[in-house]
C-alpha atoms as a PDB file:
ATOM      1  CA  MET A   1    -134.015 104.454 -21.520  1.00  0.00           C
ATOM      2  CA  THR A   2    -132.282 100.880 -21.698  1.00  0.00           C
ATOM      3  CA  LYS A   3    -134.539  97.853 -21.412  1.00  0.00           C
ATOM      4  CA  PRO A   4    -132.750  94.998 -19.376  1.00  0.00           C
ATOM      5  CA  VAL A   5    -132.427  91.623 -21.327  1.00  0.00           C
ATOM      6  CA  GLN A   6    -134.947  89.286 -19.932  1.00  0.00           C
ATOM      7  CA  PRO A   7    -133.866  85.615 -20.353  1.00  0.00           C
ATOM      8  CA  SER A   8    -136.416  83.780 -22.125  1.00  0.00           C
ATOM      9  CA  GLN A   9    -137.860  80.195 -21.839  1.00  0.00           C
ATOM     10  CA  THR A  10    -137.220  77.722 -25.064  1.00  0.00           C
ATOM     11  CA  GLY A  11    -140.134  75.511 -26.212  1.00  0.00           C
ATOM     12  CA  ALA A  12    -138.029  73.054 -25.404  1.00  0.00           C
ATOM     13  CA  PHE A  13    -136.964  73.650 -21.648  1.00  0.00           C
ATOM     14  CA  TYR A  14    -140.673  74.438 -21.119  1.00  0.00           C
ATOM     15  CA  ALA A  15    -141.944  70.905 -22.752  1.00  0.00           C
ATOM     16  CA  GLN A  16    -138.715  69.099 -20.942  1.00  0.00           C
ATOM     17  CA  ALA A  17    -140.460  70.770 -17.486  1.00  0.00           C
ATOM     18  CA  VAL A  18    -143.791  69.496 -18.526  1.00  0.00           C
ATOM     19  CA  ALA A  19    -142.517  66.207 -19.121  1.00  0.00           C
ATOM     20  CA  SER A  20    -140.396  65.601 -15.945  1.00  0.00           C
ATOM     21  CA  PHE A  21    -143.021  66.769 -13.965  1.00  0.00           C
ATOM     22  CA  GLY A  22    -145.342  64.227 -15.833  1.00  0.00           C
ATOM     23  CA  ILE A  23    -142.964  61.586 -15.779  1.00  0.00           C
ATOM     24  CA  SER A  24    -142.220  61.715 -11.840  1.00  0.00           C
ATOM     25  CA  VAL A  25    -146.005  62.108 -10.771  1.00  0.00           C
ATOM     26  CA  THR A  26    -146.746  59.049 -12.931  1.00  0.00           C
ATOM     27  CA  ALA A  27    -143.842  57.131 -11.545  1.00  0.00           C
ATOM     28  CA  MET A  28    -144.726  57.936  -8.100  1.00  0.00           C
ATOM     29  CA  GLY A  29    -148.643  56.939  -8.738  1.00  0.00           C
ATOM     30  CA  ILE A  30    -147.714  53.654 -10.070  1.00  0.00           C
ATOM     31  CA  GLY A  31    -145.252  53.084  -7.518  1.00  0.00           C
ATOM     32  CA  LEU A  32    -147.969  53.662  -4.942  1.00  0.00           C
ATOM     33  CA  VAL A  33    -150.061  51.489  -6.500  1.00  0.00           C
ATOM     34  CA  TYR A  34    -148.262  48.321  -6.544  1.00  0.00           C
ATOM     35  CA  LEU A  35    -146.308  48.893  -3.231  1.00  0.00           C
ATOM     36  CA  PRO A  36    -146.858  45.911  -1.094  1.00  0.00           C
ATOM     37  CA  ALA A  37    -148.231  47.939   1.895  1.00  0.00           C
ATOM     38  CA  GLU A  38    -151.786  48.093   3.499  1.00  0.00           C
ATOM     39  CA  PRO A  39    -154.294  50.474   2.019  1.00  0.00           C
ATOM     40  CA  TRP A  40    -154.110  53.211   4.471  1.00  0.00           C
ATOM     41  CA  VAL A  41    -150.122  53.585   4.029  1.00  0.00           C
ATOM     42  CA  ARG A  42    -150.934  54.126   0.527  1.00  0.00           C
ATOM     43  CA  GLY A  43    -153.525  56.401   1.115  1.00  0.00           C
ATOM     44  CA  PHE A  44    -150.890  58.474   3.357  1.00  0.00           C
ATOM     45  CA  LEU A  45    -148.284  58.399   1.106  1.00  0.00           C
ATOM     46  CA  ALA A  46    -150.865  59.637  -1.727  1.00  0.00           C
ATOM     47  CA  LEU A  47    -151.776  62.324   0.391  1.00  0.00           C
ATOM     48  CA  GLY A  48    -148.217  63.382   0.927  1.00  0.00           C
ATOM     49  CA  LEU A  49    -147.201  63.356  -2.654  1.00  0.00           C
ATOM     50  CA  LEU A  50    -150.436  65.558  -3.109  1.00  0.00           C
ATOM     51  CA  TYR A  51    -149.406  67.779  -0.882  1.00  0.00           C
ATOM     52  CA  VAL A  52    -145.826  67.908  -1.940  1.00  0.00           C
ATOM     53  CA  VAL A  53    -146.810  68.785  -5.770  1.00  0.00           C
ATOM     54  CA  THR A  54    -149.558  71.447  -4.766  1.00  0.00           C
ATOM     55  CA  SER A  55    -147.155  72.981  -2.189  1.00  0.00           C
ATOM     56  CA  THR A  56    -144.166  72.802  -4.867  1.00  0.00           C
ATOM     57  CA  VAL A  57    -147.140  74.983  -7.363  1.00  0.00           C
ATOM     58  CA  VAL A  58    -147.881  77.326  -4.967  1.00  0.00           C
ATOM     59  CA  LEU A  59    -143.993  77.962  -4.127  1.00  0.00           C
ATOM     60  CA  CYS A  60    -143.072  78.684  -7.802  1.00  0.00           C
ATOM     61  CA  LYS A  61    -146.008  81.017  -7.985  1.00  0.00           C
ATOM     62  CA  VAL A  62    -144.841  83.037  -5.162  1.00  0.00           C
ATOM     63  CA  VAL A  63    -141.205  83.355  -5.987  1.00  0.00           C
ATOM     64  CA  ARG A  64    -142.321  84.261  -9.567  1.00  0.00           C
ATOM     65  CA  ASP A  65    -144.548  87.068  -8.039  1.00  0.00           C
ATOM     66  CA  ARG A  66    -142.115  88.344  -6.302  1.00  0.00           C
ATOM     67  CA  GLN A  67    -139.769  88.664  -8.895  1.00  0.00           C
ATOM     68  CA  GLU A  68    -142.124  90.308 -10.819  1.00  0.00           C
ATOM     69  CA  LEU A  69    -143.208  92.705  -8.272  1.00  0.00           C
ATOM     70  CA  ALA A  70    -139.449  93.719  -7.889  1.00  0.00           C
ATOM     71  CA  GLY A  71    -139.039  94.109 -11.794  1.00  0.00           C
ATOM     72  CA  VAL A  72    -141.964  96.481 -11.738  1.00  0.00           C
ATOM     73  CA  THR A  73    -140.520  98.897  -8.744  1.00  0.00           C
ATOM     74  CA  ASN A  74    -136.924  99.006 -11.032  1.00  0.00           C
ATOM     75  CA  ARG A  75    -138.579 100.042 -13.261  1.00  0.00           C
ATOM     76  CA  VAL A  76    -140.487 102.698 -11.760  1.00  0.00           C
ATOM     77  CA  ASP A  77    -137.354 104.043  -9.946  1.00  0.00           C
ATOM     78  CA  GLN A  78    -135.700 104.043 -13.161  1.00  0.00           C
ATOM     79  CA  ALA A  79    -138.503 106.110 -15.184  1.00  0.00           C
ATOM     80  CA  ARG A  80    -138.098 108.675 -12.129  1.00  0.00           C
ATOM     81  CA  LEU A  81    -134.648 108.780 -12.277  1.00  0.00           C
ATOM     82  CA  ASP A  82    -134.764 109.549 -16.294  1.00  0.00           C
ATOM     83  CA  LYS A  83    -137.541 111.989 -15.823  1.00  0.00           C
ATOM     84  CA  LEU A  84    -135.165 113.794 -13.083  1.00  0.00           C
ATOM     85  CA  LEU A  85    -132.360 113.328 -15.544  1.00  0.00           C
ATOM     86  CA  SER A  86    -134.023 114.633 -18.360  1.00  0.00           C
ATOM     87  CA  GLU A  87    -135.194 118.076 -16.397  1.00  0.00           C
ATOM     88  CA  HIS A  88    -131.706 119.001 -15.198  1.00  0.00           C
ATOM     89  CA  ASP A  89    -129.776 121.125 -17.179  1.00  0.00           C
ATOM     90  CA  PRO A  90    -126.362 121.888 -15.418  1.00  0.00           C
ATOM     91  CA  PHE A  91    -125.650 124.625 -17.772  1.00  0.00           C
ATOM     92  CA  LYS A  92    -128.808 126.990 -16.385  1.00  0.00           C
ATOM     93  CA  VAL A  93    -127.912 129.940 -14.162  1.00  0.00           C
ATOM     94  CA  GLU A  94    -130.539 131.044 -11.869  1.00  0.00           C
ATOM     95  CA  VAL A  95    -130.637 134.761 -11.312  1.00  0.00           C
END
């Protein structure tokens, strides 16, 4: 049974993703603080930003969980096929 090659994330990619997220949220927060608008407008935009961030995190988790489930299903199917092939003897003659 051959194991498929899984691409791995490098530490630099992980650090870049975390830094990008932190910088973008910080920049939006600073922009909301200095926005020349009434407090209720800034509050509404801050709630919108919070909603976008949390829904993005949930979407990422759902996509990851579906991908992992597909991987487990493929491994189970591959194990069944390997077992059938290992038990099959094409030269066996039944009397």
